[in-house]
Structures are given as C-alpha cells and as structure tokens.
Amino acid sequence: MQQSEVMQVLKEYISQEILDGKDIGLEATTPLLEWGIIDSLSFLRLINFIQDRFGLEIAPEKAVPDNFKDLEAMTSLVLETAAE
C-alpha cells in the first residue's frame, strides 16, 4: 500500500459517506475534527471502514482523536498498523 493510494481511498470515503458527495476541497491537513466534519458517529463508521477496507484491526489505544484529526494522520495510522 502506498501513502497516496491510502489517502485517496480515505478522502473518497469521507467525501461520499460523511459529506454526502459534497466537494469542500479536502486536503491532507484539513482539520476534520476541528471543523466538525467527523463527529462521534462518523468516527466509529470511519474506524469500521478502515478495518474492513484495509483488513486491519485498529487497537483501542490507537482510536484516539490525534490519529483521526486529518487525512495525513489517518493515512499514517493505516500504514503503521499495516506494517505491524
């Protein structure tokens, strides 16, 4: 898995499933939590999506806001978890 591929998959999921297809110009560092794009329900849906799509198990200690603050942080989480 390459960083750009993972980030694109996450961006598409957020755009389609969380933003209902709205294009708000998501960038790698768009503050998803700070701007309220991701709330508690979408946070759980996002974890489930990552686990299903990438075949990973996100440990509870990694399901923290810092790992989901933006696309860059989520991509790092996916790649680090896949490498373990």
PDB file of N, CA and C in Angstrom:
ATOM      1  N   MET A   1       0.831  -1.187   0.000  1.00  0.00           N
ATOM      2  CA  MET A   1       0.000   0.000   0.000  1.00  0.00           C
ATOM      3  C   MET A   1       0.876   1.252   0.000  1.00  0.00           C
ATOM      4  N   GLN A   2       0.541   2.154  -0.865  1.00  0.00           N
ATOM      5  CA  GLN A   2       1.284   3.401  -0.932  1.00  0.00           C
ATOM      6  C   GLN A   2       0.498   4.504  -0.233  1.00  0.00           C
ATOM      7  N   GLN A   3       1.228   5.475   0.268  1.00  0.00           N
ATOM      8  CA  GLN A   3       0.621   6.574   1.003  1.00  0.00           C
ATOM      9  C   GLN A   3      -0.448   7.289   0.179  1.00  0.00           C
ATOM     10  N   SER A   4      -0.146   7.591  -1.071  1.00  0.00           N
ATOM     11  CA  SER A   4      -1.099   8.326  -1.904  1.00  0.00           C
ATOM     12  C   SER A   4      -2.370   7.520  -2.150  1.00  0.00           C
ATOM     13  N   GLU A   5      -2.226   6.204  -2.305  1.00  0.00           N
ATOM     14  CA  GLU A   5      -3.385   5.326  -2.523  1.00  0.00           C
ATOM     15  C   GLU A   5      -4.282   5.297  -1.294  1.00  0.00           C
ATOM     16  N   VAL A   6      -3.686   5.125  -0.124  1.00  0.00           N
ATOM     17  CA  VAL A   6      -4.441   5.083   1.129  1.00  0.00           C
ATOM     18  C   VAL A   6      -5.161   6.408   1.344  1.00  0.00           C
ATOM     19  N   MET A   7      -4.450   7.509   1.145  1.00  0.00           N
ATOM     20  CA  MET A   7      -5.055   8.824   1.360  1.00  0.00           C
ATOM     21  C   MET A   7      -6.225   9.049   0.407  1.00  0.00           C
ATOM     22  N   GLN A   8      -6.096   8.620  -0.841  1.00  0.00           N
ATOM     23  CA  GLN A   8      -7.171   8.796  -1.818  1.00  0.00           C
ATOM     24  C   GLN A   8      -8.407   7.987  -1.427  1.00  0.00           C
ATOM     25  N   VAL A   9      -8.214   6.764  -0.959  1.00  0.00           N
ATOM     26  CA  VAL A   9      -9.333   5.927  -0.518  1.00  0.00           C
ATOM     27  C   VAL A   9     -10.054   6.586   0.659  1.00  0.00           C
ATOM     28  N   LEU A  10      -9.303   7.092   1.622  1.00  0.00           N
ATOM     29  CA  LEU A  10      -9.897   7.755   2.785  1.00  0.00           C
ATOM     30  C   LEU A  10     -10.623   9.032   2.381  1.00  0.00           C
ATOM     31  N   LYS A  11     -10.021   9.800   1.495  1.00  0.00           N
ATOM     32  CA  LYS A  11     -10.630  11.044   1.027  1.00  0.00           C
ATOM     33  C   LYS A  11     -11.955  10.764   0.325  1.00  0.00           C
ATOM     34  N   GLU A  12     -11.975   9.744  -0.532  1.00  0.00           N
ATOM     35  CA  GLU A  12     -13.195   9.386  -1.247  1.00  0.00           C
ATOM     36  C   GLU A  12     -14.283   8.924  -0.276  1.00  0.00           C
ATOM     37  N   TYR A  13     -13.898   8.133   0.722  1.00  0.00           N
ATOM     38  CA  TYR A  13     -14.881   7.673   1.697  1.00  0.00           C
ATOM     39  C   TYR A  13     -15.497   8.858   2.448  1.00  0.00           C
ATOM     40  N   ILE A  14     -14.655   9.738   2.928  1.00  0.00           N
ATOM     41  CA  ILE A  14     -15.152  10.902   3.684  1.00  0.00           C
ATOM     42  C   ILE A  14     -16.037  11.772   2.788  1.00  0.00           C
ATOM     43  N   SER A  15     -15.601  12.001   1.563  1.00  0.00           N
ATOM     44  CA  SER A  15     -16.389  12.824   0.644  1.00  0.00           C
ATOM     45  C   SER A  15     -17.756  12.212   0.357  1.00  0.00           C
ATOM     46  N   GLN A  16     -17.778  10.911   0.091  1.00  0.00           N
ATOM     47  CA  GLN A  16     -19.026  10.254  -0.300  1.00  0.00           C
ATOM     48  C   GLN A  16     -19.926   9.916   0.882  1.00  0.00           C
ATOM     49  N   GLU A  17     -19.360   9.345   1.927  1.00  0.00           N
ATOM     50  CA  GLU A  17     -20.158   8.813   3.027  1.00  0.00           C
ATOM     51  C   GLU A  17     -20.428   9.814   4.150  1.00  0.00           C
ATOM     52  N   ILE A  18     -19.497  10.691   4.405  1.00  0.00           N
ATOM     53  CA  ILE A  18     -19.662  11.627   5.515  1.00  0.00           C
ATOM     54  C   ILE A  18     -20.164  12.981   5.017  1.00  0.00           C
ATOM     55  N   LEU A  19     -19.655  13.412   3.872  1.00  0.00           N
ATOM     56  CA  LEU A  19     -20.054  14.707   3.325  1.00  0.00           C
ATOM     57  C   LEU A  19     -21.143  14.579   2.252  1.00  0.00           C
ATOM     58  N   ASP A  20     -21.688  13.387   2.081  1.00  0.00           N
ATOM     59  CA  ASP A  20     -22.760  13.139   1.106  1.00  0.00           C
ATOM     60  C   ASP A  20     -22.422  13.645  -0.291  1.00  0.00           C
ATOM     61  N   GLY A  21     -21.168  13.449  -0.696  1.00  0.00           N
ATOM     62  CA  GLY A  21     -20.744  13.812  -2.039  1.00  0.00           C
ATOM     63  C   GLY A  21     -20.371  15.271  -2.237  1.00  0.00           C
ATOM     64  N   LYS A  22     -20.440  16.060  -1.198  1.00  0.00           N
ATOM     65  CA  LYS A  22     -20.078  17.477  -1.312  1.00  0.00           C
ATOM     66  C   LYS A  22     -18.562  17.617  -1.435  1.00  0.00           C
ATOM     67  N   ASP A  23     -18.142  18.470  -2.333  1.00  0.00           N
ATOM     68  CA  ASP A  23     -16.715  18.725  -2.505  1.00  0.00           C
ATOM     69  C   ASP A  23     -16.364  19.999  -1.743  1.00  0.00           C
ATOM     70  N   ILE A  24     -15.695  19.826  -0.617  1.00  0.00           N
ATOM     71  CA  ILE A  24     -15.286  21.001   0.159  1.00  0.00           C
ATOM     72  C   ILE A  24     -13.792  21.260   0.010  1.00  0.00           C
ATOM     73  N   GLY A  25     -13.162  20.560  -0.937  1.00  0.00           N
ATOM     74  CA  GLY A  25     -11.739  20.761  -1.170  1.00  0.00           C
ATOM     75  C   GLY A  25     -10.871  20.146  -0.087  1.00  0.00           C
ATOM     76  N   LEU A  26     -11.184  18.908   0.302  1.00  0.00           N
ATOM     77  CA  LEU A  26     -10.395  18.232   1.336  1.00  0.00           C
ATOM     78  C   LEU A  26      -8.933  18.143   0.929  1.00  0.00           C
ATOM     79  N   GLU A  27      -8.073  18.528   1.832  1.00  0.00           N
ATOM     80  CA  GLU A  27      -6.628  18.420   1.649  1.00  0.00           C
ATOM     81  C   GLU A  27      -6.084  17.480   2.719  1.00  0.00           C
ATOM     82  N   ALA A  28      -4.830  17.128   2.602  1.00  0.00           N
ATOM     83  CA  ALA A  28      -4.206  16.207   3.551  1.00  0.00           C
ATOM     84  C   ALA A  28      -4.264  16.716   4.986  1.00  0.00           C
ATOM     85  N   THR A  29      -4.249  18.037   5.159  1.00  0.00           N
ATOM     86  CA  THR A  29      -4.208  18.608   6.505  1.00  0.00           C
ATOM     87  C   THR A  29      -5.491  19.350   6.892  1.00  0.00           C
ATOM     88  N   THR A  30      -6.576  19.151   6.145  1.00  0.00           N
ATOM     89  CA  THR A  30      -7.855  19.753   6.528  1.00  0.00           C
ATOM     90  C   THR A  30      -8.226  19.233   7.916  1.00  0.00           C
ATOM     91  N   PRO A  31      -8.473  20.116   8.879  1.00  0.00           N
ATOM     92  CA  PRO A  31      -8.750  19.675  10.263  1.00  0.00           C
ATOM     93  C   PRO A  31     -10.173  19.097  10.397  1.00  0.00           C
ATOM     94  N   LEU A  32     -10.291  17.806  10.162  1.00  0.00           N
ATOM     95  CA  LEU A  32     -11.596  17.138  10.111  1.00  0.00           C
ATOM     96  C   LEU A  32     -12.351  17.171  11.429  1.00  0.00           C
ATOM     97  N   LEU A  33     -11.662  16.980  12.512  1.00  0.00           N
ATOM     98  CA  LEU A  33     -12.327  17.011  13.816  1.00  0.00           C
ATOM     99  C   LEU A  33     -12.624  18.446  14.238  1.00  0.00           C
ATOM    100  N   GLU A  34     -11.656  19.305  14.076  1.00  0.00           N
ATOM    101  CA  GLU A  34     -11.792  20.702  14.483  1.00  0.00           C
ATOM    102  C   GLU A  34     -12.932  21.405  13.750  1.00  0.00           C
ATOM    103  N   TRP A  35     -13.119  21.073  12.483  1.00  0.00           N
ATOM    104  CA  TRP A  35     -14.175  21.691  11.684  1.00  0.00           C
ATOM    105  C   TRP A  35     -15.509  20.970  11.824  1.00  0.00           C
ATOM    106  N   GLY A  36     -15.543  19.893  12.609  1.00  0.00           N
ATOM    107  CA  GLY A  36     -16.790  19.170  12.824  1.00  0.00           C
ATOM    108  C   GLY A  36     -17.205  18.285  11.661  1.00  0.00           C
ATOM    109  N   ILE A  37     -16.286  18.010  10.747  1.00  0.00           N
ATOM    110  CA  ILE A  37     -16.578  17.126   9.620  1.00  0.00           C
ATOM    111  C   ILE A  37     -16.778  15.706  10.131  1.00  0.00           C
ATOM    112  N   ILE A  38     -15.954  15.312  11.083  1.00  0.00           N
ATOM    113  CA  ILE A  38     -16.082  13.995  11.706  1.00  0.00           C
ATOM    114  C   ILE A  38     -16.623  14.190  13.116  1.00  0.00           C
ATOM    115  N   ASP A  39     -17.768  13.558  13.387  1.00  0.00           N
ATOM    116  CA  ASP A  39     -18.347  13.574  14.731  1.00  0.00           C
ATOM    117  C   ASP A  39     -18.222  12.172  15.324  1.00  0.00           C
ATOM    118  N   SER A  40     -18.812  11.944  16.474  1.00  0.00           N
ATOM    119  CA  SER A  40     -18.630  10.660  17.154  1.00  0.00           C
ATOM    120  C   SER A  40     -19.173   9.489  16.344  1.00  0.00           C
ATOM    121  N   LEU A  41     -20.308   9.660  15.685  1.00  0.00           N
ATOM    122  CA  LEU A  41     -20.878   8.572  14.890  1.00  0.00           C
ATOM    123  C   LEU A  41     -20.040   8.301  13.647  1.00  0.00           C
ATOM    124  N   SER A  42     -19.662   9.352  12.937  1.00  0.00           N
ATOM    125  CA  SER A  42     -18.845   9.150  11.735  1.00  0.00           C
ATOM    126  C   SER A  42     -17.446   8.651  12.095  1.00  0.00           C
ATOM    127  N   PHE A  43     -16.982   8.971  13.290  1.00  0.00           N
ATOM    128  CA  PHE A  43     -15.696   8.463  13.782  1.00  0.00           C
ATOM    129  C   PHE A  43     -15.734   6.929  13.858  1.00  0.00           C
ATOM    130  N   LEU A  44     -16.809   6.395  14.424  1.00  0.00           N
ATOM    131  CA  LEU A  44     -16.959   4.942  14.535  1.00  0.00           C
ATOM    132  C   LEU A  44     -17.127   4.297  13.163  1.00  0.00           C
ATOM    133  N   ARG A  45     -17.908   4.937  12.298  1.00  0.00           N
ATOM    134  CA  ARG A  45     -18.089   4.415  10.937  1.00  0.00           C
ATOM    135  C   ARG A  45     -16.762   4.410  10.178  1.00  0.00           C
ATOM    136  N   LEU A  46     -15.961   5.423  10.395  1.00  0.00           N
ATOM    137  CA  LEU A  46     -14.661   5.531   9.734  1.00  0.00           C
ATOM    138  C   LEU A  46     -13.712   4.419  10.204  1.00  0.00           C
ATOM    139  N   ILE A  47     -13.702   4.146  11.487  1.00  0.00           N
ATOM    140  CA  ILE A  47     -12.874   3.055  12.011  1.00  0.00           C
ATOM    141  C   ILE A  47     -13.305   1.730  11.383  1.00  0.00           C
ATOM    142  N   ASN A  48     -14.609   1.481  11.328  1.00  0.00           N
ATOM    143  CA  ASN A  48     -15.108   0.250  10.710  1.00  0.00           C
ATOM    144  C   ASN A  48     -14.729   0.168   9.243  1.00  0.00           C
ATOM    145  N   PHE A  49     -14.839   1.281   8.530  1.00  0.00           N
ATOM    146  CA  PHE A  49     -14.453   1.303   7.118  1.00  0.00           C
ATOM    147  C   PHE A  49     -12.979   0.960   6.954  1.00  0.00           C
ATOM    148  N   ILE A  50     -12.117   1.587   7.740  1.00  0.00           N
ATOM    149  CA  ILE A  50     -10.674   1.331   7.644  1.00  0.00           C
ATOM    150  C   ILE A  50     -10.376  -0.140   7.904  1.00  0.00           C
ATOM    151  N   GLN A  51     -10.986  -0.686   8.931  1.00  0.00           N
ATOM    152  CA  GLN A  51     -10.748  -2.094   9.270  1.00  0.00           C
ATOM    153  C   GLN A  51     -11.215  -3.014   8.142  1.00  0.00           C
ATOM    154  N   ASP A  52     -12.388  -2.741   7.584  1.00  0.00           N
ATOM    155  CA  ASP A  52     -12.915  -3.580   6.505  1.00  0.00           C
ATOM    156  C   ASP A  52     -12.145  -3.396   5.204  1.00  0.00           C
ATOM    157  N   ARG A  53     -11.913  -2.161   4.820  1.00  0.00           N
ATOM    158  CA  ARG A  53     -11.292  -1.858   3.517  1.00  0.00           C
ATOM    159  C   ARG A  53      -9.838  -2.298   3.455  1.00  0.00           C
ATOM    160  N   PHE A  54      -9.107  -2.103   4.547  1.00  0.00           N
ATOM    161  CA  PHE A  54      -7.680  -2.415   4.540  1.00  0.00           C
ATOM    162  C   PHE A  54      -7.347  -3.714   5.268  1.00  0.00           C
ATOM    163  N   GLY A  55      -8.350  -4.384   5.823  1.00  0.00           N
ATOM    164  CA  GLY A  55      -8.122  -5.649   6.516  1.00  0.00           C
ATOM    165  C   GLY A  55      -7.260  -5.493   7.758  1.00  0.00           C
ATOM    166  N   LEU A  56      -7.498  -4.414   8.491  1.00  0.00           N
ATOM    167  CA  LEU A  56      -6.690  -4.113   9.675  1.00  0.00           C
ATOM    168  C   LEU A  56      -7.546  -4.153  10.929  1.00  0.00           C
ATOM    169  N   GLU A  57      -6.907  -4.293  12.057  1.00  0.00           N
ATOM    170  CA  GLU A  57      -7.555  -4.176  13.355  1.00  0.00           C
ATOM    171  C   GLU A  57      -6.980  -2.933  14.030  1.00  0.00           C
ATOM    172  N   ILE A  58      -7.825  -1.926  14.202  1.00  0.00           N
ATOM    173  CA  ILE A  58      -7.380  -0.708  14.887  1.00  0.00           C
ATOM    174  C   ILE A  58      -7.522  -0.944  16.387  1.00  0.00           C
ATOM    175  N   ALA A  59      -6.394  -0.993  17.076  1.00  0.00           N
ATOM    176  CA  ALA A  59      -6.402  -1.217  18.521  1.00  0.00           C
ATOM    177  C   ALA A  59      -7.079  -0.039  19.221  1.00  0.00           C
ATOM    178  N   PRO A  60      -7.804  -0.311  20.305  1.00  0.00           N
ATOM    179  CA  PRO A  60      -8.499   0.760  21.023  1.00  0.00           C
ATOM    180  C   PRO A  60      -7.586   1.933  21.407  1.00  0.00           C
ATOM    181  N   GLU A  61      -6.353   1.657  21.764  1.00  0.00           N
ATOM    182  CA  GLU A  61      -5.443   2.736  22.158  1.00  0.00           C
ATOM    183  C   GLU A  61      -5.019   3.607  20.968  1.00  0.00           C
ATOM    184  N   LYS A  62      -5.281   3.124  19.738  1.00  0.00           N
ATOM    185  CA  LYS A  62      -4.970   3.923  18.549  1.00  0.00           C
ATOM    186  C   LYS A  62      -6.188   4.671  18.014  1.00  0.00           C
ATOM    187  N   ALA A  63      -7.358   4.354  18.556  1.00  0.00           N
ATOM    188  CA  ALA A  63      -8.598   5.024  18.136  1.00  0.00           C
ATOM    189  C   ALA A  63      -8.779   6.297  18.953  1.00  0.00           C
ATOM    190  N   VAL A  64      -7.844   7.202  18.762  1.00  0.00           N
ATOM    191  CA  VAL A  64      -7.839   8.466  19.505  1.00  0.00           C
ATOM    192  C   VAL A  64      -7.912   9.626  18.514  1.00  0.00           C
ATOM    193  N   PRO A  65      -8.419  10.773  18.949  1.00  0.00           N
ATOM    194  CA  PRO A  65      -8.580  11.914  18.044  1.00  0.00           C
ATOM    195  C   PRO A  65      -7.321  12.307  17.265  1.00  0.00           C
ATOM    196  N   ASP A  66      -6.156  12.243  17.875  1.00  0.00           N
ATOM    197  CA  ASP A  66      -4.927  12.636  17.174  1.00  0.00           C
ATOM    198  C   ASP A  66      -4.699  11.818  15.899  1.00  0.00           C
ATOM    199  N   ASN A  67      -5.136  10.565  15.895  1.00  0.00           N
ATOM    200  CA  ASN A  67      -4.943   9.705  14.724  1.00  0.00           C
ATOM    201  C   ASN A  67      -6.007   9.922  13.650  1.00  0.00           C
ATOM    202  N   PHE A  68      -7.008  10.752  13.944  1.00  0.00           N
ATOM    203  CA  PHE A  68      -8.099  10.994  13.005  1.00  0.00           C
ATOM    204  C   PHE A  68      -8.337  12.484  12.758  1.00  0.00           C
ATOM    205  N   LYS A  69      -7.364  13.301  13.123  1.00  0.00           N
ATOM    206  CA  LYS A  69      -7.542  14.753  13.015  1.00  0.00           C
ATOM    207  C   LYS A  69      -7.554  15.248  11.575  1.00  0.00           C
ATOM    208  N   ASP A  70      -6.865  14.529  10.676  1.00  0.00           N
ATOM    209  CA  ASP A  70      -6.843  14.894   9.262  1.00  0.00           C
ATOM    210  C   ASP A  70      -6.473  13.670   8.425  1.00  0.00           C
ATOM    211  N   LEU A  71      -6.523  13.818   7.120  1.00  0.00           N
ATOM    212  CA  LEU A  71      -6.223  12.693   6.228  1.00  0.00           C
ATOM    213  C   LEU A  71      -4.788  12.201   6.403  1.00  0.00           C
ATOM    214  N   GLU A  72      -3.885  13.114   6.653  1.00  0.00           N
ATOM    215  CA  GLU A  72      -2.478  12.758   6.848  1.00  0.00           C
ATOM    216  C   GLU A  72      -2.308  11.830   8.055  1.00  0.00           C
ATOM    217  N   ALA A  73      -2.943  12.172   9.161  1.00  0.00           N
ATOM    218  CA  ALA A  73      -2.846  11.357  10.375  1.00  0.00           C
ATOM    219  C   ALA A  73      -3.494   9.990  10.181  1.00  0.00           C
ATOM    220  N   MET A  74      -4.646   9.959   9.500  1.00  0.00           N
ATOM    221  CA  MET A  74      -5.314   8.676   9.253  1.00  0.00           C
ATOM    222  C   MET A  74      -4.491   7.785   8.328  1.00  0.00           C
ATOM    223  N   THR A  75      -3.891   8.390   7.321  1.00  0.00           N
ATOM    224  CA  THR A  75      -3.051   7.620   6.404  1.00  0.00           C
ATOM    225  C   THR A  75      -1.870   7.020   7.153  1.00  0.00           C
ATOM    226  N   SER A  76      -1.244   7.795   8.016  1.00  0.00           N
ATOM    227  CA  SER A  76      -0.123   7.288   8.822  1.00  0.00           C
ATOM    228  C   SER A  76      -0.580   6.138   9.714  1.00  0.00           C
ATOM    229  N   LEU A  77      -1.757   6.279  10.311  1.00  0.00           N
ATOM    230  CA  LEU A  77      -2.295   5.216  11.161  1.00  0.00           C
ATOM    231  C   LEU A  77      -2.473   3.925  10.367  1.00  0.00           C
ATOM    232  N   VAL A  78      -3.057   4.025   9.175  1.00  0.00           N
ATOM    233  CA  VAL A  78      -3.274   2.837   8.342  1.00  0.00           C
ATOM    234  C   VAL A  78      -1.952   2.196   7.986  1.00  0.00           C
ATOM    235  N   LEU A  79      -0.999   2.989   7.525  1.00  0.00           N
ATOM    236  CA  LEU A  79       0.290   2.435   7.105  1.00  0.00           C
ATOM    237  C   LEU A  79       1.075   1.837   8.261  1.00  0.00           C
ATOM    238  N   GLU A  80       1.046   2.497   9.420  1.00  0.00           N
ATOM    239  CA  GLU A  80       1.750   1.968  10.593  1.00  0.00           C
ATOM    240  C   GLU A  80       1.098   0.679  11.089  1.00  0.00           C
ATOM    241  N   THR A  81      -0.228   0.628  11.092  1.00  0.00           N
ATOM    242  CA  THR A  81      -0.931  -0.564  11.543  1.00  0.00           C
ATOM    243  C   THR A  81      -0.687  -1.719  10.587  1.00  0.00           C
ATOM    244  N   ALA A  82      -0.654  -1.434   9.291  1.00  0.00           N
ATOM    245  CA  ALA A  82      -0.400  -2.473   8.287  1.00  0.00           C
ATOM    246  C   ALA A  82       1.007  -3.026   8.414  1.00  0.00           C
ATOM    247  N   ALA A  83       1.948  -2.213   8.871  1.00  0.00           N
ATOM    248  CA  ALA A  83       3.348  -2.638   8.988  1.00  0.00           C
ATOM    249  C   ALA A  83       3.596  -3.483  10.237  1.00  0.00           C
ATOM    250  N   GLU A  84       2.663  -3.455  11.177  1.00  0.00           N
ATOM    251  CA  GLU A  84       2.873  -4.193  12.434  1.00  0.00           C
ATOM    252  C   GLU A  84       2.671  -5.678  12.251  1.00  0.00           C
TER     253      GLU A  84
END
